mmCIF file of all heavy atoms, coordinates in Angstrom:
data_MODEL
# 
_entry.id   MODEL 
# 
loop_
_atom_site.group_PDB 
_atom_site.id 
_atom_site.type_symbol 
_atom_site.label_atom_id 
_atom_site.label_alt_id 
_atom_site.label_comp_id 
_atom_site.label_asym_id 
_atom_site.label_entity_id 
_atom_site.label_seq_id 
_atom_site.pdbx_PDB_ins_code 
_atom_site.Cartn_x 
_atom_site.Cartn_y 
_atom_site.Cartn_z 
_atom_site.occupancy 
_atom_site.B_iso_or_equiv 
_atom_site.pdbx_formal_charge 
_atom_site.auth_seq_id 
_atom_site.auth_comp_id 
_atom_site.auth_asym_id 
_atom_site.auth_atom_id 
_atom_site.pdbx_PDB_model_num 
ATOM 1   N N   . GLU A 1 1  ? 70.997 165.835 -93.069  1.00 0.00 ? 1  GLU A N   1 
ATOM 2   C CA  . GLU A 1 1  ? 70.061 164.845 -93.452  1.00 0.00 ? 1  GLU A CA  1 
ATOM 3   C C   . GLU A 1 1  ? 70.795 163.477 -93.772  1.00 0.00 ? 1  GLU A C   1 
ATOM 4   O O   . GLU A 1 1  ? 70.294 162.427 -93.296  1.00 0.00 ? 1  GLU A O   1 
ATOM 5   C CB  . GLU A 1 1  ? 69.330 165.241 -94.768  1.00 0.00 ? 1  GLU A CB  1 
ATOM 6   C CG  . GLU A 1 1  ? 68.322 164.152 -95.350  1.00 0.00 ? 1  GLU A CG  1 
ATOM 7   C CD  . GLU A 1 1  ? 67.810 164.572 -96.705  1.00 0.00 ? 1  GLU A CD  1 
ATOM 8   O OE1 . GLU A 1 1  ? 67.507 165.691 -96.899  1.00 0.00 ? 1  GLU A OE1 1 
ATOM 9   O OE2 . GLU A 1 1  ? 67.781 163.594 -97.559  1.00 0.00 ? 1  GLU A OE2 1 
ATOM 10  N N   . LEU A 1 2  ? 71.854 163.563 -94.454  1.00 0.00 ? 2  LEU A N   1 
ATOM 11  C CA  . LEU A 1 2  ? 72.648 162.372 -94.718  1.00 0.00 ? 2  LEU A CA  1 
ATOM 12  C C   . LEU A 1 2  ? 73.167 161.712 -93.441  1.00 0.00 ? 2  LEU A C   1 
ATOM 13  O O   . LEU A 1 2  ? 73.133 160.549 -93.268  1.00 0.00 ? 2  LEU A O   1 
ATOM 14  C CB  . LEU A 1 2  ? 73.812 162.695 -95.685  1.00 0.00 ? 2  LEU A CB  1 
ATOM 15  C CG  . LEU A 1 2  ? 74.799 161.515 -95.973  1.00 0.00 ? 2  LEU A CG  1 
ATOM 16  C CD1 . LEU A 1 2  ? 74.032 160.370 -96.562  1.00 0.00 ? 2  LEU A CD1 1 
ATOM 17  C CD2 . LEU A 1 2  ? 75.886 162.050 -96.864  1.00 0.00 ? 2  LEU A CD2 1 
ATOM 18  N N   . ALA A 1 3  ? 73.697 162.539 -92.579  1.00 0.00 ? 3  ALA A N   1 
ATOM 19  C CA  . ALA A 1 3  ? 74.250 162.023 -91.223  1.00 0.00 ? 3  ALA A CA  1 
ATOM 20  C C   . ALA A 1 3  ? 73.182 161.336 -90.418  1.00 0.00 ? 3  ALA A C   1 
ATOM 21  O O   . ALA A 1 3  ? 73.431 160.229 -89.909  1.00 0.00 ? 3  ALA A O   1 
ATOM 22  C CB  . ALA A 1 3  ? 74.828 163.217 -90.446  1.00 0.00 ? 3  ALA A CB  1 
ATOM 23  N N   . ALA A 1 4  ? 71.937 161.773 -90.489  1.00 0.00 ? 4  ALA A N   1 
ATOM 24  C CA  . ALA A 1 4  ? 70.876 161.136 -89.771  1.00 0.00 ? 4  ALA A CA  1 
ATOM 25  C C   . ALA A 1 4  ? 70.497 159.840 -90.437  1.00 0.00 ? 4  ALA A C   1 
ATOM 26  O O   . ALA A 1 4  ? 70.244 158.832 -89.778  1.00 0.00 ? 4  ALA A O   1 
ATOM 27  C CB  . ALA A 1 4  ? 69.565 162.038 -89.719  1.00 0.00 ? 4  ALA A CB  1 
ATOM 28  N N   . ARG A 1 5  ? 70.554 159.710 -91.724  1.00 0.00 ? 5  ARG A N   1 
ATOM 29  C CA  . ARG A 1 5  ? 70.247 158.564 -92.392  1.00 0.00 ? 5  ARG A CA  1 
ATOM 30  C C   . ARG A 1 5  ? 71.211 157.331 -92.199  1.00 0.00 ? 5  ARG A C   1 
ATOM 31  O O   . ARG A 1 5  ? 70.918 156.282 -92.117  1.00 0.00 ? 5  ARG A O   1 
ATOM 32  C CB  . ARG A 1 5  ? 70.123 158.779 -93.927  1.00 0.00 ? 5  ARG A CB  1 
ATOM 33  C CG  . ARG A 1 5  ? 69.032 159.635 -94.373  1.00 0.00 ? 5  ARG A CG  1 
ATOM 34  C CD  . ARG A 1 5  ? 67.894 158.920 -95.084  1.00 0.00 ? 5  ARG A CD  1 
ATOM 35  N NE  . ARG A 1 5  ? 68.044 158.030 -96.077  1.00 0.00 ? 5  ARG A NE  1 
ATOM 36  C CZ  . ARG A 1 5  ? 67.793 158.159 -97.353  1.00 0.00 ? 5  ARG A CZ  1 
ATOM 37  N NH1 . ARG A 1 5  ? 67.347 159.277 -97.819  1.00 0.00 ? 5  ARG A NH1 1 
ATOM 38  N NH2 . ARG A 1 5  ? 67.837 157.177 -98.217  1.00 0.00 ? 5  ARG A NH2 1 
ATOM 39  N N   . VAL A 1 6  ? 72.525 157.750 -92.156  1.00 0.00 ? 6  VAL A N   1 
ATOM 40  C CA  . VAL A 1 6  ? 73.562 156.755 -91.955  1.00 0.00 ? 6  VAL A CA  1 
ATOM 41  C C   . VAL A 1 6  ? 73.959 156.444 -90.528  1.00 0.00 ? 6  VAL A C   1 
ATOM 42  O O   . VAL A 1 6  ? 74.828 155.615 -90.229  1.00 0.00 ? 6  VAL A O   1 
ATOM 43  C CB  . VAL A 1 6  ? 74.863 157.027 -92.727  1.00 0.00 ? 6  VAL A CB  1 
ATOM 44  C CG1 . VAL A 1 6  ? 74.615 157.202 -94.216  1.00 0.00 ? 6  VAL A CG1 1 
ATOM 45  C CG2 . VAL A 1 6  ? 75.517 158.350 -92.239  1.00 0.00 ? 6  VAL A CG2 1 
ATOM 46  N N   . ASP A 1 7  ? 73.285 157.113 -89.579  1.00 0.00 ? 7  ASP A N   1 
ATOM 47  C CA  . ASP A 1 7  ? 73.526 156.823 -88.093  1.00 0.00 ? 7  ASP A CA  1 
ATOM 48  C C   . ASP A 1 7  ? 72.742 155.604 -87.766  1.00 0.00 ? 7  ASP A C   1 
ATOM 49  O O   . ASP A 1 7  ? 71.650 155.687 -87.266  1.00 0.00 ? 7  ASP A O   1 
ATOM 50  C CB  . ASP A 1 7  ? 73.140 158.039 -87.293  1.00 0.00 ? 7  ASP A CB  1 
ATOM 51  C CG  . ASP A 1 7  ? 73.563 157.973 -85.907  1.00 0.00 ? 7  ASP A CG  1 
ATOM 52  O OD1 . ASP A 1 7  ? 74.473 157.149 -85.600  1.00 0.00 ? 7  ASP A OD1 1 
ATOM 53  O OD2 . ASP A 1 7  ? 72.962 158.638 -84.989  1.00 0.00 ? 7  ASP A OD2 1 
ATOM 54  N N   . VAL A 1 8  ? 73.339 154.440 -88.069  1.00 0.00 ? 8  VAL A N   1 
ATOM 55  C CA  . VAL A 1 8  ? 72.667 153.193 -87.703  1.00 0.00 ? 8  VAL A CA  1 
ATOM 56  C C   . VAL A 1 8  ? 72.893 152.765 -86.264  1.00 0.00 ? 8  VAL A C   1 
ATOM 57  O O   . VAL A 1 8  ? 73.612 153.421 -85.570  1.00 0.00 ? 8  VAL A O   1 
ATOM 58  C CB  . VAL A 1 8  ? 73.199 152.066 -88.731  1.00 0.00 ? 8  VAL A CB  1 
ATOM 59  C CG1 . VAL A 1 8  ? 72.830 152.402 -90.141  1.00 0.00 ? 8  VAL A CG1 1 
ATOM 60  C CG2 . VAL A 1 8  ? 74.645 151.818 -88.599  1.00 0.00 ? 8  VAL A CG2 1 
ATOM 61  N N   . ASP A 1 9  ? 72.188 151.692 -85.841  1.00 0.00 ? 9  ASP A N   1 
ATOM 62  C CA  . ASP A 1 9  ? 72.279 151.211 -84.505  1.00 0.00 ? 9  ASP A CA  1 
ATOM 63  C C   . ASP A 1 9  ? 73.710 150.904 -84.138  1.00 0.00 ? 9  ASP A C   1 
ATOM 64  O O   . ASP A 1 9  ? 74.398 150.033 -84.685  1.00 0.00 ? 9  ASP A O   1 
ATOM 65  C CB  . ASP A 1 9  ? 71.438 149.985 -84.440  1.00 0.00 ? 9  ASP A CB  1 
ATOM 66  C CG  . ASP A 1 9  ? 71.472 149.283 -83.061  1.00 0.00 ? 9  ASP A CG  1 
ATOM 67  O OD1 . ASP A 1 9  ? 72.120 149.842 -82.074  1.00 0.00 ? 9  ASP A OD1 1 
ATOM 68  O OD2 . ASP A 1 9  ? 70.767 148.239 -82.943  1.00 0.00 ? 9  ASP A OD2 1 
ATOM 69  N N   . ARG A 1 10 ? 74.276 151.670 -83.178  1.00 0.00 ? 10 ARG A N   1 
ATOM 70  C CA  . ARG A 1 10 ? 75.649 151.514 -82.798  1.00 0.00 ? 10 ARG A CA  1 
ATOM 71  C C   . ARG A 1 10 ? 75.885 150.292 -82.032  1.00 0.00 ? 10 ARG A C   1 
ATOM 72  O O   . ARG A 1 10 ? 77.083 149.849 -81.697  1.00 0.00 ? 10 ARG A O   1 
ATOM 73  C CB  . ARG A 1 10 ? 76.181 152.741 -82.165  1.00 0.00 ? 10 ARG A CB  1 
ATOM 74  C CG  . ARG A 1 10 ? 76.203 153.908 -83.074  1.00 0.00 ? 10 ARG A CG  1 
ATOM 75  C CD  . ARG A 1 10 ? 76.717 155.213 -82.349  1.00 0.00 ? 10 ARG A CD  1 
ATOM 76  N NE  . ARG A 1 10 ? 76.505 156.343 -83.236  1.00 0.00 ? 10 ARG A NE  1 
ATOM 77  C CZ  . ARG A 1 10 ? 77.514 157.006 -83.703  1.00 0.00 ? 10 ARG A CZ  1 
ATOM 78  N NH1 . ARG A 1 10 ? 78.743 156.693 -83.292  1.00 0.00 ? 10 ARG A NH1 1 
ATOM 79  N NH2 . ARG A 1 10 ? 77.326 158.086 -84.534  1.00 0.00 ? 10 ARG A NH2 1 
ATOM 80  N N   . GLY A 1 11 ? 74.833 149.517 -81.656  1.00 0.00 ? 11 GLY A N   1 
ATOM 81  C CA  . GLY A 1 11 ? 74.963 148.246 -80.966  1.00 0.00 ? 11 GLY A CA  1 
ATOM 82  C C   . GLY A 1 11 ? 75.239 147.098 -81.925  1.00 0.00 ? 11 GLY A C   1 
ATOM 83  O O   . GLY A 1 11 ? 75.544 146.007 -81.383  1.00 0.00 ? 11 GLY A O   1 
ATOM 84  N N   . LEU A 1 12 ? 75.127 147.364 -83.207  1.00 0.00 ? 12 LEU A N   1 
ATOM 85  C CA  . LEU A 1 12 ? 75.351 146.298 -84.251  1.00 0.00 ? 12 LEU A CA  1 
ATOM 86  C C   . LEU A 1 12 ? 76.900 146.008 -84.219  1.00 0.00 ? 12 LEU A C   1 
ATOM 87  O O   . LEU A 1 12 ? 77.715 146.861 -83.931  1.00 0.00 ? 12 LEU A O   1 
ATOM 88  C CB  . LEU A 1 12 ? 74.938 146.792 -85.631  1.00 0.00 ? 12 LEU A CB  1 
ATOM 89  C CG  . LEU A 1 12 ? 73.433 146.895 -85.832  1.00 0.00 ? 12 LEU A CG  1 
ATOM 90  C CD1 . LEU A 1 12 ? 73.278 147.493 -87.213  1.00 0.00 ? 12 LEU A CD1 1 
ATOM 91  C CD2 . LEU A 1 12 ? 72.781 145.465 -85.781  1.00 0.00 ? 12 LEU A CD2 1 
ATOM 92  N N   . PRO A 1 13 ? 77.232 144.769 -84.564  1.00 0.00 ? 13 PRO A N   1 
ATOM 93  C CA  . PRO A 1 13 ? 78.659 144.445 -84.816  1.00 0.00 ? 13 PRO A CA  1 
ATOM 94  C C   . PRO A 1 13 ? 79.188 145.369 -85.900  1.00 0.00 ? 13 PRO A C   1 
ATOM 95  O O   . PRO A 1 13 ? 78.453 145.847 -86.790  1.00 0.00 ? 13 PRO A O   1 
ATOM 96  C CB  . PRO A 1 13 ? 78.705 142.998 -85.288  1.00 0.00 ? 13 PRO A CB  1 
ATOM 97  C CG  . PRO A 1 13 ? 77.311 142.406 -84.728  1.00 0.00 ? 13 PRO A CG  1 
ATOM 98  C CD  . PRO A 1 13 ? 76.371 143.558 -84.753  1.00 0.00 ? 13 PRO A CD  1 
ATOM 99  N N   . PRO A 1 14 ? 80.403 145.831 -85.881  1.00 0.00 ? 14 PRO A N   1 
ATOM 100 C CA  . PRO A 1 14 ? 80.969 146.792 -86.773  1.00 0.00 ? 14 PRO A CA  1 
ATOM 101 C C   . PRO A 1 14 ? 80.700 146.423 -88.308  1.00 0.00 ? 14 PRO A C   1 
ATOM 102 O O   . PRO A 1 14 ? 80.289 147.296 -89.018  1.00 0.00 ? 14 PRO A O   1 
ATOM 103 C CB  . PRO A 1 14 ? 82.502 146.759 -86.464  1.00 0.00 ? 14 PRO A CB  1 
ATOM 104 C CG  . PRO A 1 14 ? 82.583 146.364 -84.982  1.00 0.00 ? 14 PRO A CG  1 
ATOM 105 C CD  . PRO A 1 14 ? 81.421 145.325 -84.803  1.00 0.00 ? 14 PRO A CD  1 
ATOM 106 N N   . ALA A 1 15 ? 80.914 145.222 -88.670  1.00 0.00 ? 15 ALA A N   1 
ATOM 107 C CA  . ALA A 1 15 ? 80.686 144.874 -90.087  1.00 0.00 ? 15 ALA A CA  1 
ATOM 108 C C   . ALA A 1 15 ? 79.284 145.085 -90.499  1.00 0.00 ? 15 ALA A C   1 
ATOM 109 O O   . ALA A 1 15 ? 78.960 145.561 -91.560  1.00 0.00 ? 15 ALA A O   1 
ATOM 110 C CB  . ALA A 1 15 ? 81.151 143.438 -90.395  1.00 0.00 ? 15 ALA A CB  1 
ATOM 111 N N   . GLU A 1 16 ? 78.271 144.711 -89.618  1.00 0.00 ? 16 GLU A N   1 
ATOM 112 C CA  . GLU A 1 16 ? 76.863 144.883 -89.917  1.00 0.00 ? 16 GLU A CA  1 
ATOM 113 C C   . GLU A 1 16 ? 76.509 146.424 -89.948  1.00 0.00 ? 16 GLU A C   1 
ATOM 114 O O   . GLU A 1 16 ? 75.730 146.800 -90.768  1.00 0.00 ? 16 GLU A O   1 
ATOM 115 C CB  . GLU A 1 16 ? 76.002 144.144 -88.892  1.00 0.00 ? 16 GLU A CB  1 
ATOM 116 C CG  . GLU A 1 16 ? 75.994 142.611 -89.068  1.00 0.00 ? 16 GLU A CG  1 
ATOM 117 C CD  . GLU A 1 16 ? 75.094 142.024 -87.980  1.00 0.00 ? 16 GLU A CD  1 
ATOM 118 O OE1 . GLU A 1 16 ? 74.032 142.600 -87.654  1.00 0.00 ? 16 GLU A OE1 1 
ATOM 119 O OE2 . GLU A 1 16 ? 75.500 140.875 -87.525  1.00 0.00 ? 16 GLU A OE2 1 
ATOM 120 N N   . ALA A 1 17 ? 77.064 147.184 -88.924  1.00 0.00 ? 17 ALA A N   1 
ATOM 121 C CA  . ALA A 1 17 ? 76.754 148.587 -88.947  1.00 0.00 ? 17 ALA A CA  1 
ATOM 122 C C   . ALA A 1 17 ? 77.334 149.232 -90.186  1.00 0.00 ? 17 ALA A C   1 
ATOM 123 O O   . ALA A 1 17 ? 76.643 150.147 -90.732  1.00 0.00 ? 17 ALA A O   1 
ATOM 124 C CB  . ALA A 1 17 ? 77.486 149.200 -87.682  1.00 0.00 ? 17 ALA A CB  1 
ATOM 125 N N   . LEU A 1 18 ? 78.498 148.850 -90.604  1.00 0.00 ? 18 LEU A N   1 
ATOM 126 C CA  . LEU A 1 18 ? 79.044 149.498 -91.791  1.00 0.00 ? 18 LEU A CA  1 
ATOM 127 C C   . LEU A 1 18 ? 78.217 149.070 -93.065  1.00 0.00 ? 18 LEU A C   1 
ATOM 128 O O   . LEU A 1 18 ? 77.993 150.041 -93.806  1.00 0.00 ? 18 LEU A O   1 
ATOM 129 C CB  . LEU A 1 18 ? 80.474 149.012 -92.030  1.00 0.00 ? 18 LEU A CB  1 
ATOM 130 C CG  . LEU A 1 18 ? 81.200 149.443 -93.322  1.00 0.00 ? 18 LEU A CG  1 
ATOM 131 C CD1 . LEU A 1 18 ? 81.311 151.004 -93.257  1.00 0.00 ? 18 LEU A CD1 1 
ATOM 132 C CD2 . LEU A 1 18 ? 82.508 148.810 -93.522  1.00 0.00 ? 18 LEU A CD2 1 
ATOM 133 N N   . ALA A 1 19 ? 77.790 147.841 -93.163  1.00 0.00 ? 19 ALA A N   1 
ATOM 134 C CA  . ALA A 1 19 ? 76.906 147.482 -94.328  1.00 0.00 ? 19 ALA A CA  1 
ATOM 135 C C   . ALA A 1 19 ? 75.611 148.193 -94.278  1.00 0.00 ? 19 ALA A C   1 
ATOM 136 O O   . ALA A 1 19 ? 75.109 148.628 -95.318  1.00 0.00 ? 19 ALA A O   1 
ATOM 137 C CB  . ALA A 1 19 ? 76.651 145.934 -94.299  1.00 0.00 ? 19 ALA A CB  1 
ATOM 138 N N   . ALA A 1 20 ? 75.004 148.462 -93.087  1.00 0.00 ? 20 ALA A N   1 
ATOM 139 C CA  . ALA A 1 20 ? 73.758 149.148 -92.999  1.00 0.00 ? 20 ALA A CA  1 
ATOM 140 C C   . ALA A 1 20 ? 73.949 150.558 -93.306  1.00 0.00 ? 20 ALA A C   1 
ATOM 141 O O   . ALA A 1 20 ? 73.080 151.218 -93.983  1.00 0.00 ? 20 ALA A O   1 
ATOM 142 C CB  . ALA A 1 20 ? 73.168 148.930 -91.552  1.00 0.00 ? 20 ALA A CB  1 
ATOM 143 N N   . ALA A 1 21 ? 75.008 151.270 -92.741  1.00 0.00 ? 21 ALA A N   1 
ATOM 144 C CA  . ALA A 1 21 ? 75.360 152.593 -93.031  1.00 0.00 ? 21 ALA A CA  1 
ATOM 145 C C   . ALA A 1 21 ? 75.551 152.843 -94.623  1.00 0.00 ? 21 ALA A C   1 
ATOM 146 O O   . ALA A 1 21 ? 75.095 153.807 -95.179  1.00 0.00 ? 21 ALA A O   1 
ATOM 147 C CB  . ALA A 1 21 ? 76.438 153.078 -92.223  1.00 0.00 ? 21 ALA A CB  1 
ATOM 148 N N   . LEU A 1 22 ? 76.333 151.980 -95.137  1.00 0.00 ? 22 LEU A N   1 
ATOM 149 C CA  . LEU A 1 22 ? 76.703 151.999 -96.569  1.00 0.00 ? 22 LEU A CA  1 
ATOM 150 C C   . LEU A 1 22 ? 75.447 151.932 -97.405  1.00 0.00 ? 22 LEU A C   1 
ATOM 151 O O   . LEU A 1 22 ? 75.173 152.624 -98.368  1.00 0.00 ? 22 LEU A O   1 
ATOM 152 C CB  . LEU A 1 22 ? 77.736 151.060 -97.023  1.00 0.00 ? 22 LEU A CB  1 
ATOM 153 C CG  . LEU A 1 22 ? 78.141 151.070 -98.442  1.00 0.00 ? 22 LEU A CG  1 
ATOM 154 C CD1 . LEU A 1 22 ? 78.677 152.424 -98.831  1.00 0.00 ? 22 LEU A CD1 1 
ATOM 155 C CD2 . LEU A 1 22 ? 79.159 150.001 -98.721  1.00 0.00 ? 22 LEU A CD2 1 
ATOM 156 N N   . ASP A 1 23 ? 74.525 151.008 -97.069  1.00 0.00 ? 23 ASP A N   1 
ATOM 157 C CA  . ASP A 1 23 ? 73.245 150.867 -97.780  1.00 0.00 ? 23 ASP A CA  1 
ATOM 158 C C   . ASP A 1 23 ? 72.367 152.085 -97.688  1.00 0.00 ? 23 ASP A C   1 
ATOM 159 O O   . ASP A 1 23 ? 71.789 152.538 -98.658  1.00 0.00 ? 23 ASP A O   1 
ATOM 160 C CB  . ASP A 1 23 ? 72.568 149.660 -97.262  1.00 0.00 ? 23 ASP A CB  1 
ATOM 161 C CG  . ASP A 1 23 ? 71.494 149.172 -98.210  1.00 0.00 ? 23 ASP A CG  1 
ATOM 162 O OD1 . ASP A 1 23 ? 71.828 149.069 -99.438  1.00 0.00 ? 23 ASP A OD1 1 
ATOM 163 O OD2 . ASP A 1 23 ? 70.345 149.027 -97.819  1.00 0.00 ? 23 ASP A OD2 1 
ATOM 164 N N   . ALA A 1 24 ? 72.312 152.710 -96.446  1.00 0.00 ? 24 ALA A N   1 
ATOM 165 C CA  . ALA A 1 24 ? 71.578 153.962 -96.258  1.00 0.00 ? 24 ALA A CA  1 
ATOM 166 C C   . ALA A 1 24 ? 72.199 154.979 -97.110  1.00 0.00 ? 24 ALA A C   1 
ATOM 167 O O   . ALA A 1 24 ? 71.496 155.869 -97.770  1.00 0.00 ? 24 ALA A O   1 
ATOM 168 C CB  . ALA A 1 24 ? 71.610 154.254 -94.848  1.00 0.00 ? 24 ALA A CB  1 
ATOM 169 N N   . PHE A 1 25 ? 73.494 155.133 -97.095  1.00 0.00 ? 25 PHE A N   1 
ATOM 170 C CA  . PHE A 1 25 ? 74.215 156.121 -97.991  1.00 0.00 ? 25 PHE A CA  1 
ATOM 171 C C   . PHE A 1 25 ? 73.887 155.959 -99.488  1.00 0.00 ? 25 PHE A C   1 
ATOM 172 O O   . PHE A 1 25 ? 73.591 156.956 -100.176 1.00 0.00 ? 25 PHE A O   1 
ATOM 173 C CB  . PHE A 1 25 ? 75.759 156.089 -97.667  1.00 0.00 ? 25 PHE A CB  1 
ATOM 174 C CG  . PHE A 1 25 ? 76.486 157.024 -98.545  1.00 0.00 ? 25 PHE A CG  1 
ATOM 175 C CD1 . PHE A 1 25 ? 76.420 158.382 -98.364  1.00 0.00 ? 25 PHE A CD1 1 
ATOM 176 C CD2 . PHE A 1 25 ? 77.396 156.490 -99.558  1.00 0.00 ? 25 PHE A CD2 1 
ATOM 177 C CE1 . PHE A 1 25 ? 77.192 159.213 -99.110  1.00 0.00 ? 25 PHE A CE1 1 
ATOM 178 C CE2 . PHE A 1 25 ? 78.072 157.414 -100.300 1.00 0.00 ? 25 PHE A CE2 1 
ATOM 179 C CZ  . PHE A 1 25 ? 77.990 158.776 -100.192 1.00 0.00 ? 25 PHE A CZ  1 
# 
Protein backbone atom coordinates (compact mmCIF):
# COMPACT_ATOMS: atom_id res chain seq x y z
CA GLU A 1 0.00 0.00 0.00
CA LEU A 2 2.79 2.38 0.90
CA ALA A 3 4.73 1.64 -2.31
CA ALA A 4 1.64 2.47 -4.37
CA ARG A 5 1.17 5.75 -2.51
CA VAL A 6 4.73 6.98 -2.99
CA ASP A 7 4.99 5.92 -6.64
CA VAL A 8 4.71 9.42 -8.04
CA ASP A 9 4.92 10.54 -11.67
CA ARG A 10 8.39 9.47 -12.78
CA GLY A 11 8.29 12.17 -15.43
CA LEU A 12 8.67 14.85 -12.77
CA PRO A 13 12.08 16.42 -12.19
CA PRO A 14 13.88 14.45 -9.43
CA ALA A 15 13.51 17.14 -6.75
CA GLU A 16 9.76 17.48 -7.39
CA ALA A 17 9.30 13.70 -7.48
CA LEU A 18 11.15 13.35 -4.18
CA ALA A 19 9.09 16.09 -2.52
CA ALA A 20 5.84 14.55 -3.77
CA ALA A 21 6.84 11.03 -2.68
CA LEU A 22 7.95 12.32 0.73
CA ASP A 23 4.67 14.16 1.17
CA ALA A 24 2.73 10.99 0.26
CA PHE A 25 4.86 9.01 2.72
